Structure formats: C-alpha cells, structure tokens
Protein backbone atom coordinates (compact mmCIF):
# COMPACT_ATOMS: atom_id res chain seq x y z
CA MET A 1 0.00 0.01 0.00
CA SER A 2 2.86 2.34 0.77
CA THR A 3 4.30 1.85 -2.69
CA VAL A 4 0.99 2.83 -4.27
CA ASN A 5 0.78 5.93 -2.10
CA ASP A 6 4.33 6.91 -2.94
CA ALA A 7 3.64 6.54 -6.68
CA LYS A 8 0.44 8.63 -6.57
CA PRO A 9 2.17 12.04 -6.45
CA ILE A 10 4.45 11.06 -9.35
CA PHE A 11 1.50 9.86 -11.42
CA VAL A 12 -0.46 12.98 -10.69
CA GLY A 13 2.64 15.07 -11.45
CA VAL A 14 3.04 13.51 -14.84
CA LEU A 15 -0.65 14.05 -15.57
CA ALA A 16 -0.38 17.66 -14.55
CA ALA A 17 2.71 18.08 -16.69
CA LEU A 18 0.80 16.77 -19.71
CA VAL A 19 -2.02 19.21 -19.08
CA VAL A 20 0.36 22.07 -18.69
CA ALA A 21 2.26 21.01 -21.81
CA ALA A 22 -1.02 21.12 -23.82
CA LEU A 23 -1.75 24.61 -22.49
CA LEU A 24 1.79 25.71 -23.24
CA ALA A 25 1.73 24.30 -26.77
CA ALA A 26 -1.52 26.13 -27.52
CA ALA A 27 -0.28 29.38 -26.01
CA SER A 28 3.08 29.14 -27.76
CA TRP A 29 1.49 28.50 -31.13
CA TYR A 30 -0.82 31.45 -30.64
CA LEU A 31 2.03 33.67 -29.62
CA ILE A 32 4.39 32.66 -32.40
CA ALA A 33 1.77 32.72 -35.15
CA SER A 34 -0.59 35.52 -34.09
CA LEU A 35 0.93 38.06 -31.67
CA PRO A 36 3.76 39.33 -33.91
CA ILE A 37 1.11 40.15 -36.58
CA LEU A 38 -1.61 41.46 -34.30
CA LEU A 39 0.59 43.53 -32.02
CA ASN A 40 3.41 44.20 -34.52
CA LEU A 41 5.90 42.84 -32.03
CA PRO A 42 9.58 42.33 -32.88
CA PHE A 43 11.10 38.94 -32.40
CA TRP A 44 12.62 39.76 -28.99
CA GLY A 45 9.25 40.99 -27.76
CA THR A 46 7.62 37.70 -28.68
CA VAL A 47 10.37 35.78 -26.92
CA ILE A 48 9.94 37.86 -23.71
CA ILE A 49 6.17 37.16 -23.67
CA TRP A 50 6.73 33.49 -24.35
CA LEU A 51 9.25 33.16 -21.52
CA ALA A 52 6.86 35.00 -19.20
CA ILE A 53 4.07 32.51 -19.96
CA ILE A 54 6.45 29.59 -19.42
CA GLY A 55 7.41 31.06 -16.02
CA ALA A 56 3.75 31.42 -15.07
CA LEU A 57 2.99 27.88 -16.20
CA GLY A 58 5.89 26.62 -14.05
CA TRP A 59 4.34 28.21 -11.01
CA LEU A 60 0.91 26.85 -12.08
CA PHE A 61 2.30 23.34 -12.51
CA ARG A 62 3.59 23.25 -8.94
CA LEU A 63 0.37 24.77 -7.58
CA ILE A 64 -1.78 22.15 -9.39
CA GLY A 65 0.44 19.38 -8.02
CA GLN A 66 0.20 20.67 -4.49
CA THR A 67 -3.56 21.09 -4.67
CA VAL A 68 -4.38 17.79 -6.30
CA THR A 69 -2.10 15.67 -4.06
CA GLY A 70 -2.99 17.40 -0.85
CA ASN A 71 0.41 19.15 -0.58
CA ALA A 72 2.40 15.89 -0.89
CA PRO A 73 6.17 16.18 -0.21
CA PHE A 74 6.96 15.65 -3.86
CA PHE A 75 5.33 18.94 -4.77
CA ARG A 76 5.56 20.65 -1.40
CA ASP A 77 9.36 20.57 -1.39
CA MET A 78 9.75 21.14 -5.17
CA PRO A 79 11.78 24.31 -5.90
CA TYR A 80 10.45 26.65 -8.54
CA GLY A 81 13.41 25.89 -10.80
CA VAL A 82 12.51 22.17 -10.86
CA ALA A 83 8.87 22.96 -11.67
CA LEU A 84 10.08 25.21 -14.49
CA GLY A 85 12.24 22.38 -15.76
CA TYR A 86 9.25 20.06 -15.88
CA VAL A 87 7.33 22.60 -17.95
CA LEU A 88 10.25 23.29 -20.30
CA GLY A 89 10.80 19.57 -20.83
CA ALA A 90 7.10 19.02 -21.57
CA ALA A 91 7.10 22.03 -23.91
CA VAL A 92 10.11 20.75 -25.84
CA LEU A 93 8.58 17.28 -26.07
CA GLY A 94 5.27 18.74 -27.30
CA TRP A 95 7.06 20.86 -29.84
CA ILE A 96 9.02 17.86 -31.19
CA ILE A 97 5.81 15.80 -31.49
CA TRP A 98 3.89 18.62 -33.19
CA THR A 99 6.76 19.46 -35.60
CA TYR A 100 7.21 15.80 -36.49
CA ILE A 101 3.48 15.33 -37.26
CA TYR A 102 3.44 18.57 -39.27
CA ALA A 103 6.48 17.47 -41.29
CA ARG A 104 5.02 14.01 -41.93
CA THR A 105 1.57 15.18 -43.00
CA SER A 106 2.53 18.24 -45.04
CA ASP A 107 2.12 18.13 -48.86
CA ASP A 108 4.43 21.12 -49.39
CA ALA A 109 7.75 20.04 -50.89
CA ALA A 110 9.52 22.99 -49.28
CA VAL A 111 8.27 21.92 -45.80
CA VAL A 112 9.32 18.30 -46.45
CA ALA A 113 12.83 19.44 -47.48
CA LYS A 114 13.08 21.83 -44.53
CA TYR A 115 12.27 19.22 -41.85
CA PHE A 116 13.87 16.22 -43.56
CA PHE A 117 16.82 15.92 -41.22
CA PHE A 118 14.68 16.63 -38.15
CA ARG A 119 12.22 13.89 -39.11
CA VAL A 120 15.03 11.36 -39.75
CA ALA A 121 16.69 12.24 -36.41
CA VAL A 122 13.44 11.70 -34.48
CA GLU A 123 12.71 8.35 -36.22
CA TRP A 124 16.20 6.99 -35.68
CA PHE A 125 16.19 8.16 -32.06
CA ILE A 126 12.97 6.15 -31.46
CA ILE A 127 14.39 3.13 -33.27
CA PHE A 128 17.66 3.18 -31.26
CA THR A 129 15.80 3.63 -28.02
CA ILE A 130 13.50 0.62 -28.71
CA ALA A 131 16.46 -1.49 -29.84
CA ALA A 132 18.45 -0.63 -26.71
CA TYR A 133 15.46 -1.45 -24.47
CA LEU A 134 14.88 -4.83 -26.20
CA PHE A 135 18.60 -5.63 -26.01
CA ARG A 136 18.67 -4.90 -22.29
CA LEU A 137 15.46 -6.91 -21.76
CA LEU A 138 16.99 -9.85 -23.65
CA GLY A 139 20.15 -9.67 -21.60
CA ARG A 140 18.18 -9.90 -18.35
CA TYR A 141 16.77 -13.33 -19.31
CA VAL A 142 19.40 -14.86 -21.59
CA GLY A 143 22.96 -15.63 -20.51
CA THR A 144 24.82 -16.60 -17.43
CA GLY A 145 23.92 -15.47 -13.95
CA ALA A 146 26.64 -12.86 -13.96
CA THR A 147 25.57 -11.35 -17.29
CA ARG A 148 21.89 -11.34 -16.29
CA LYS A 149 22.82 -9.48 -13.07
CA LEU A 150 24.88 -7.09 -15.10
CA PHE A 151 22.05 -6.30 -17.49
CA ARG A 152 19.60 -5.76 -14.58
CA ALA A 153 21.84 -3.02 -13.21
CA MET A 154 22.59 -1.54 -16.64
CA PRO A 155 21.05 1.82 -17.57
CA LEU A 156 19.47 2.22 -20.97
CA THR A 157 22.30 4.44 -22.23
CA ALA A 158 24.86 1.74 -21.48
CA ALA A 159 22.70 -0.90 -23.25
CA PHE A 160 22.57 1.38 -26.29
CA GLY A 161 26.31 1.81 -26.20
CA ILE A 162 27.07 -1.92 -25.96
CA LEU A 163 24.59 -2.76 -28.67
CA THR A 164 26.13 -0.13 -30.99
CA ILE A 165 29.67 -1.33 -30.35
CA ILE A 166 28.63 -4.93 -31.11
CA ILE A 167 27.01 -3.89 -34.37
CA TYR A 168 30.11 -1.91 -35.39
CA ALA A 169 32.32 -4.84 -34.50
CA ILE A 170 30.22 -7.21 -36.61
CA PHE A 171 30.45 -4.92 -39.62
CA ALA A 172 34.19 -4.43 -39.08
CA VAL A 173 34.96 -8.13 -38.85
CA PHE A 174 32.63 -9.37 -41.61
CA ALA A 175 32.78 -6.36 -43.97
CA GLN A 176 33.85 -8.56 -46.95
CA TRP A 177 30.67 -10.63 -46.64
CA ILE A 178 28.26 -7.85 -45.62
CA ALA A 179 29.17 -5.17 -48.07
CA PRO A 180 27.30 -5.54 -51.47
CA HIS A 181 30.29 -4.31 -53.44
CA GLY A 182 34.04 -3.84 -53.02
CA GLN A 183 35.41 -0.67 -51.48
CA GLU A 184 37.50 0.05 -54.61
CA GLN A 185 34.88 -0.97 -57.18
CA ILE A 186 33.85 1.88 -59.51
CA PHE A 187 30.52 1.96 -61.38
CA ALA A 188 29.45 3.93 -64.41
CA GLN A 189 26.90 6.04 -62.54
CA ALA A 190 28.40 8.69 -60.29
CA ASN A 191 26.71 11.08 -57.80
CA ILE A 192 23.61 8.94 -57.38
CA ILE A 193 21.30 10.41 -54.72
CA ALA A 194 20.67 8.40 -51.53
CA GLY A 195 17.23 6.89 -51.05
CA GLY A 196 16.94 4.71 -54.14
CA ASP A 197 14.10 6.75 -55.73
CA PRO A 198 14.69 7.11 -59.45
CA ALA A 199 12.40 10.18 -59.55
CA LEU A 200 14.83 12.02 -57.27
CA GLY A 201 18.01 10.81 -58.98
CA GLY A 202 18.41 7.60 -56.99
CA ASN A 203 18.96 3.98 -57.95
CA PRO A 204 17.55 0.97 -56.03
CA ASP A 205 20.83 -0.87 -56.66
CA PHE A 206 22.65 1.81 -54.58
CA PRO A 207 20.38 2.63 -51.60
CA LEU A 208 22.84 5.16 -50.20
CA GLY A 209 23.99 6.42 -53.59
CA THR A 210 27.44 6.63 -55.12
CA ASP A 211 30.24 9.15 -54.75
CA GLN A 212 31.83 11.51 -57.24
CA ILE A 213 33.72 8.74 -59.06
CA GLY A 214 31.02 6.06 -58.88
CA ARG A 215 31.85 4.03 -55.79
CA ASP A 216 29.02 2.58 -53.73
CA ILE A 217 28.71 4.61 -50.50
CA LEU A 218 27.03 1.80 -48.54
CA SER A 219 29.91 -0.53 -49.22
CA ARG A 220 32.47 2.10 -48.33
CA LEU A 221 30.68 2.87 -45.06
CA ILE A 222 30.84 -0.82 -44.13
CA TYR A 223 34.50 -1.09 -45.10
CA GLY A 224 35.11 2.20 -43.22
CA ALA A 225 34.13 0.39 -40.05
CA GLN A 226 36.83 -2.17 -40.72
CA ASN A 227 39.50 0.35 -41.60
CA THR A 228 38.79 3.32 -39.32
CA VAL A 229 37.57 1.44 -36.26
CA GLY A 230 40.02 -1.49 -36.68
CA ILE A 231 43.06 0.77 -37.05
CA ALA A 232 41.88 2.91 -34.12
CA PHE A 233 41.53 -0.17 -31.93
CA VAL A 234 45.02 -1.45 -32.82
CA THR A 235 46.48 2.05 -32.24
CA THR A 236 44.84 2.29 -28.82
CA LEU A 237 46.14 -1.13 -27.87
CA LEU A 238 49.73 -0.05 -28.76
CA ALA A 239 49.28 3.20 -26.82
CA PHE A 240 48.22 1.29 -23.73
CA LEU A 241 50.95 -1.29 -24.11
CA LEU A 242 53.60 1.45 -24.33
CA GLY A 243 52.16 3.96 -21.87
CA GLY A 244 50.85 1.46 -19.36
CA SER A 245 54.11 -0.49 -19.19
CA LEU A 246 56.29 2.59 -18.78
CA GLY A 247 53.86 4.11 -16.27
CA PHE A 248 53.84 1.03 -14.01
CA LEU A 249 57.64 0.75 -14.42
CA ALA A 250 58.11 4.36 -13.29
CA ALA A 251 55.73 3.89 -10.34
CA THR A 252 57.41 0.68 -9.19
CA LEU A 253 61.08 1.67 -9.57
CA GLY A 254 60.85 5.44 -9.06
CA GLY A 255 64.11 7.39 -8.78
CA TRP A 256 65.92 8.70 -11.89
CA LEU A 257 63.89 6.50 -14.28
CA ASP A 258 60.62 8.00 -12.99
CA GLN A 259 61.96 11.55 -13.35
CA LEU A 260 63.34 10.91 -16.85
CA LEU A 261 60.11 9.39 -18.17
CA SER A 262 57.90 11.97 -16.46
CA ARG A 263 59.77 14.94 -17.84
CA ALA A 264 59.82 13.47 -21.37
CA VAL A 265 56.06 12.91 -21.16
CA ASP A 266 55.57 16.50 -19.90
CA VAL A 267 57.41 17.83 -22.98
CA LEU A 268 55.33 15.73 -25.36
CA MET A 269 52.04 16.67 -23.66
CA ALA A 270 52.88 20.37 -23.90
CA ILE A 271 52.48 20.18 -27.74
CA PRO A 272 48.87 20.09 -29.05
CA ALA A 273 48.23 16.45 -30.07
CA LEU A 274 46.47 17.03 -33.42
CA ILE A 275 48.98 19.68 -34.60
CA PHE A 276 51.92 17.45 -33.51
CA ALA A 277 50.40 14.46 -35.32
CA LEU A 278 49.73 16.51 -38.47
CA LEU A 279 53.37 17.72 -38.44
CA LEU A 280 54.79 14.23 -38.03
CA MET A 281 52.42 12.77 -40.63
CA THR A 282 53.57 15.39 -43.16
CA ILE A 283 57.18 14.32 -42.54
CA ALA A 284 56.21 10.66 -42.61
CA SER A 285 54.54 11.08 -46.00
CA VAL A 286 57.98 11.78 -47.46
CA TRP A 287 59.58 8.85 -45.66
CA SER A 288 56.74 6.56 -46.71
CA ALA A 289 57.47 7.15 -50.41
CA THR A 290 61.22 6.80 -49.88
CA LEU A 291 61.14 3.67 -47.67
CA GLY A 292 58.16 2.00 -49.36
CA VAL A 293 56.33 1.65 -46.04
CA PRO A 294 52.56 2.38 -46.10
CA LEU A 295 51.69 5.74 -44.59
CA THR A 296 49.06 3.98 -42.41
CA VAL A 297 51.90 2.22 -40.52
CA PHE A 298 53.48 5.59 -39.69
CA MET A 299 50.11 6.96 -38.60
CA VAL A 300 49.51 4.07 -36.20
CA LEU A 301 52.97 4.46 -34.60
CA ILE A 302 52.73 8.29 -34.38
CA ILE A 303 49.30 8.39 -32.77
CA ALA A 304 50.16 5.47 -30.45
CA VAL A 305 53.22 7.30 -29.17
CA ILE A 306 51.39 10.60 -28.70
CA ASP A 307 48.49 9.05 -26.87
CA SER A 308 50.72 6.86 -24.77
CA THR A 309 51.73 9.94 -22.84
CA ARG A 310 48.17 10.27 -21.42
CA VAL A 311 48.15 6.59 -20.60
CA PHE A 312 51.51 6.90 -18.89
CA ARG A 313 50.23 9.69 -16.59
CA LEU A 314 47.20 7.59 -15.53
CA ALA A 315 49.16 4.33 -15.09
CA ARG A 316 51.85 6.09 -13.06
CA ALA A 317 49.30 7.84 -10.84
CA VAL A 318 47.32 4.61 -10.20
CA GLY A 319 50.48 2.57 -9.77
CA SER A 320 51.96 5.06 -7.26
CA ASN A 321 48.90 4.53 -5.08
CA ILE A 322 49.17 0.75 -5.32
CA VAL A 323 52.92 0.28 -4.68
CA VAL A 324 52.60 1.69 -1.14
CA MET A 325 50.07 -0.96 -0.12
CA ASP A 326 50.97 -3.64 2.41
CA TYR A 327 50.55 -6.52 0.00
CA ILE A 328 53.11 -4.98 -2.33
CA GLU A 329 55.60 -4.77 0.55
CA ALA A 330 54.77 -8.34 1.46
CA ALA A 331 55.48 -9.44 -2.11
CA LYS A 332 58.78 -7.65 -2.10
CA LEU A 333 59.75 -9.37 1.15
CA ARG A 334 58.89 -12.71 -0.36
CA GLY A 335 61.50 -11.92 -3.03
CA GLU A 336 59.05 -11.51 -5.94
CA GLY A 337 60.51 -9.98 -9.07
CA LEU A 338 59.48 -6.91 -11.02
CA PRO A 339 57.31 -8.80 -13.60
CA TYR A 340 55.37 -10.41 -10.76
CA LEU A 341 54.78 -7.14 -9.03
CA ILE A 342 53.51 -5.40 -12.18
CA PHE A 343 51.42 -8.17 -13.77
CA ARG A 344 50.18 -10.03 -10.66
CA GLU A 345 49.81 -7.30 -8.08
CA ILE A 346 49.53 -3.82 -9.69
CA LEU A 347 47.77 -4.50 -12.97
CA PRO A 348 44.74 -6.46 -11.50
CA ASN A 349 44.11 -3.61 -9.02
CA ALA A 350 44.34 -0.98 -11.76
CA THR A 351 42.04 -2.69 -14.22
CA ALA A 352 38.94 -0.55 -13.62
CA PRO A 353 40.41 2.90 -14.26
CA LEU A 354 42.48 1.57 -17.14
CA LEU A 355 39.41 0.05 -18.85
CA ALA A 356 37.56 3.36 -18.53
CA GLU A 357 40.57 5.22 -19.90
CA PHE A 358 40.79 2.72 -22.74
CA GLY A 359 37.31 3.70 -23.91
CA LEU A 360 38.11 7.40 -23.73
CA ARG A 361 41.48 6.92 -25.47
CA PHE A 362 39.76 4.89 -28.20
CA CYS A 363 37.41 7.80 -28.86
CA PHE A 364 40.25 10.29 -29.06
CA VAL A 365 42.32 8.02 -31.34
CA PHE A 366 39.32 7.31 -33.50
CA LEU A 367 38.56 11.02 -33.91
CA THR A 368 42.26 11.80 -34.53
CA ILE A 369 42.44 9.27 -37.33
CA ALA A 370 39.24 10.66 -38.86
CA SER A 371 40.62 14.20 -38.60
CA LEU A 372 43.94 13.31 -40.22
CA SER A 373 42.11 11.46 -43.00
CA PHE A 374 39.88 14.50 -43.51
CA LEU A 375 43.03 16.61 -43.85
CA GLY A 376 44.48 14.14 -46.40
CA VAL A 377 47.32 12.62 -44.37
CA GLY A 378 45.53 9.73 -42.65
CA ILE A 379 44.25 6.53 -44.19
CA GLN A 380 45.04 6.75 -47.90
CA PRO A 381 42.87 5.75 -50.88
CA PRO A 382 41.71 3.33 -52.15
CA LEU A 383 40.94 2.23 -48.60
CA ALA A 384 37.57 3.45 -47.41
CA ASP A 385 37.72 5.81 -44.42
CA TRP A 386 34.95 7.88 -42.85
CA GLY A 387 37.07 10.99 -42.49
CA THR A 388 38.07 10.88 -46.11
CA MET A 389 34.43 10.26 -47.11
CA VAL A 390 33.28 13.38 -45.27
CA ARG A 391 35.92 15.45 -47.08
CA ASP A 392 35.20 14.00 -50.53
CA LEU A 393 31.39 14.27 -50.20
CA SER A 394 31.23 17.63 -48.44
CA ALA A 395 30.21 19.40 -51.65
CA PHE A 396 26.75 17.70 -51.45
CA ILE A 397 25.95 19.95 -48.46
CA ASN A 398 25.30 22.76 -50.94
CA TYR A 399 22.09 21.02 -52.06
CA ALA A 400 20.53 20.84 -48.57
CA GLY A 401 17.98 23.58 -49.31
CA PHE A 402 16.15 21.80 -52.09
CA ALA A 403 17.54 18.20 -52.15
CA PRO A 404 18.03 16.99 -48.58
CA GLN A 405 18.63 13.41 -49.75
CA ALA A 406 21.74 14.63 -51.59
CA ALA A 407 22.91 16.65 -48.58
CA SER A 408 22.58 13.61 -46.36
CA THR A 409 25.38 11.78 -48.19
CA PRO A 410 28.32 13.34 -46.34
CA LEU A 411 26.39 13.15 -43.10
CA LEU A 412 26.30 9.37 -43.26
CA ALA A 413 30.02 9.05 -42.56
CA ALA A 414 29.95 11.90 -40.06
CA GLY A 415 27.00 10.27 -38.32
CA ALA A 416 28.85 6.92 -38.15
CA ILE A 417 31.78 8.70 -36.43
CA ALA A 418 29.49 10.55 -33.96
CA LEU A 419 27.36 7.49 -33.16
CA LEU A 420 30.32 5.34 -32.26
CA THR A 421 31.85 8.09 -30.14
CA ILE A 422 28.64 8.62 -28.20
CA ALA A 423 28.17 4.85 -27.72
CA VAL A 424 31.70 4.38 -26.32
CA ASN A 425 31.23 7.37 -23.97
CA PHE A 426 27.96 5.89 -22.67
CA VAL A 427 29.71 2.65 -21.83
CA VAL A 428 32.69 4.45 -20.27
CA ASP A 429 30.39 6.60 -18.09
CA TRP A 430 28.65 3.46 -16.82
CA MET A 431 31.97 1.72 -16.14
CA LEU A 432 33.24 4.75 -14.24
CA HIS A 433 30.09 4.80 -12.17
CA LYS A 434 30.38 1.12 -11.36
CA SER A 435 34.10 1.39 -10.44
CA SER A 436 33.41 4.37 -8.21
CA GLY A 437 31.31 2.18 -5.84
CA LEU A 438 28.18 4.41 -6.15
CA LYS A 439 24.79 2.74 -6.22
CA GLU A 440 22.55 3.08 -9.24
C-alpha cells in the first residue's frame, strides 16, 4: 500500500505536466503565429512574452500538483526551478511531436525538405531507443547469472552503447561478406542520390548512392568500419601497451627513471596532439614514399606514441597509489621480481580505471584518425575511411535547401563517427560509475 501511495504524487505530477504542456503548446502556437502580426511585435518581444508565460505555467504546475495531491512532499518541497524544468521539458517534447506530425503530413515540398533531417533524427532516435530497451530486456533473461545481473543493473544508455559497439564490431569483422560491393569498385553512374528513388536521382541498386567517381557509398561505409575502427583499436592497444608499461615501471622503480620518463612525457604533452600528429604525418609522408612503407603504418605508430603519454600519466598515478600498499611490501619481502609485481599485483588492481581510460582513449584516437584522413594525411585511398568520405562528399551539403537526400550523403560518414563516439562514452560513463562504488 505504501508503494501505491508513494507513486500517486508522481503519477499526478506526470498528468499535470501533460495538461500544462497542452496549455503551453496552444499558448506558444498562438504567440508565435498571431501576436507578432496582431501587435506588430519584434522577435525579441515575442520571446519575452513566451518566456513569461512559461514562467507562469511553471508556478501553475507546482500549484496544481500541491492542490491535487494534498500538498504531498513531492510537490511541497519542489523548488520553482525544478517545476520550471518540468514545464520546459514538456514544452520541448510537445514541440518535437507537433513538428514531426506537421512534417510527416505536409504536402508542401519545401516543408518536407526543410524538416527532412529533423524527421530522420526523431525516427532513428525512437528506433535506437526501442532497440536498446529490447537488447537490455533480452540480456536480463538470456545468458549466465553474472551477465543477467549485469544487465539488470545496466542503464538504458549503456545498453545502447554496448549494442552499438557490437554492431560496429560485426560490420568491421565481416565487412567482406556484408558489403554488397568492393570498397574500390567503380561503377558507371556517379553522384547517385541516396534513397533509391529514381524520380529524385536515386537507384535501387545503390540505396545510399554513389560518390563523385562512382563508388558505392554503402559498401564504403561498411569497409570504413573495418579500416577506421580497426586501425583505431590497434592504435589504442599499442598506446596502452607502451604507456601502461612505462607508467607502471616508473611507479614501481621510481628514482631517476621516474623523473626521466615523467619529464619526457611532460614535454610531449605540452604540444597540441592534433597539430603534432599533423606535423609528423607530413614528414612521414615523405619517408613513406622513400622507404616503401605504407603511410598507415606511420600513422599508427605516431598516434600510439602521442596518446601513450596520457596513458603513462594515468598508469603512473594509479601505480603510485598501489605500490605503497601492504601486499606490495609483502610481495617484495617474499622476493618476488618486477614482472610479478607489475602483472600479478599492480595490474589487477588498476584494471577498472584503465578500462575506462581505454574507452576514452579509443574515442580520441578514432577522432584523430578521422581528422587526419579528413586533412588528407591519414588513411590513404583506395581504402575506405569515414574521415576521407566526409571530405570528398562535403560538396553535397550545398544542395541541402532543395535536395536533402543529396545533402545527407556526407552526413552518413559523419554520423557513423558521432554514433560510435557517443556509444563508447555511454559505456565508459557506466563503467566509471560502477568502479566508483556508487549505487545506481
């Protein structure tokens, strides 16, 4: 019974929020559409009136909640700022729903083109949310006891991140079998519009269109997962192998070795990473042609060394806190060697922060590789790379005003980069929360 009583204020609050949102949507539409014409108000005048009404509705929302629930603690102790946040959230949600319905039902081609990207974003957000919920629900009932317990404590954002990473990994590993065409294959038709509609310049054989020289964009996106993500993963592993080993070594031995490595790392970290990588890649492009070594190999080594400095600082800091523990002293008194101390004592106790840092480092390495490829010194053609695809297809943005399908072409690769970055950060945030010892 107490659970029902506790849930009553929340239910009533949500109901009141919906009522207020409806009032706010009607008032906002009237203000935006009617008042500037009737009262000859400038834009800033309309905004001031609109904000005043939102402020009044925030006070009204709290008052309705207090009255309906008999001044329950949920509303009695609610600050005005929180009530205003509920109203703003409901207003934004109402505006998104109304705009989406308007964009879907309009027969005006200009309106359809104007809200094309907004409509696609809303639809894919709903699809990803449902997929993440179903994935988490499946994980709670399928698997071992440990995995089911993990999924029960997993937030929806982490489930979305893990699902996205799994999908990217599948595309990266099985790109040769999933992609309909080769990444280097060139067709006669170039600049085909995405969508597959022949009336708009599309082709059903190329659902995402072709680039400026006739390569299938869908196939290159899939192979881009293999090249960009795979190379970023290998680079991050090398960075952790180098930075983590030297960091633990400096923390364990200390003395002149610690000072030497720390000062060298300070010098490297004082230089902006992207500028330093761009400078070294420009030099490496000359060496690559002279030595016959692929430029990608130089890129992996350069980025791994630059990012290993960040890993070194973390590994040294964590290792310095561990080496002063009693079990480390006991291991030294037993006569254990340096490899045993690092791999059997220090590393297992530093796993949580290092795993979280691995996710963050992977994002930075991934974005650095995409940035270098965008600038022309990263992954080289004919290999498919998302950064290079954004650069090569950027001219299609000019057609956004009247042909949004064409303008969406460069956004596909940019969206693939952004989606993976967001997914990894969701998982890292959850891992940091779990390792901190805080309850969900």
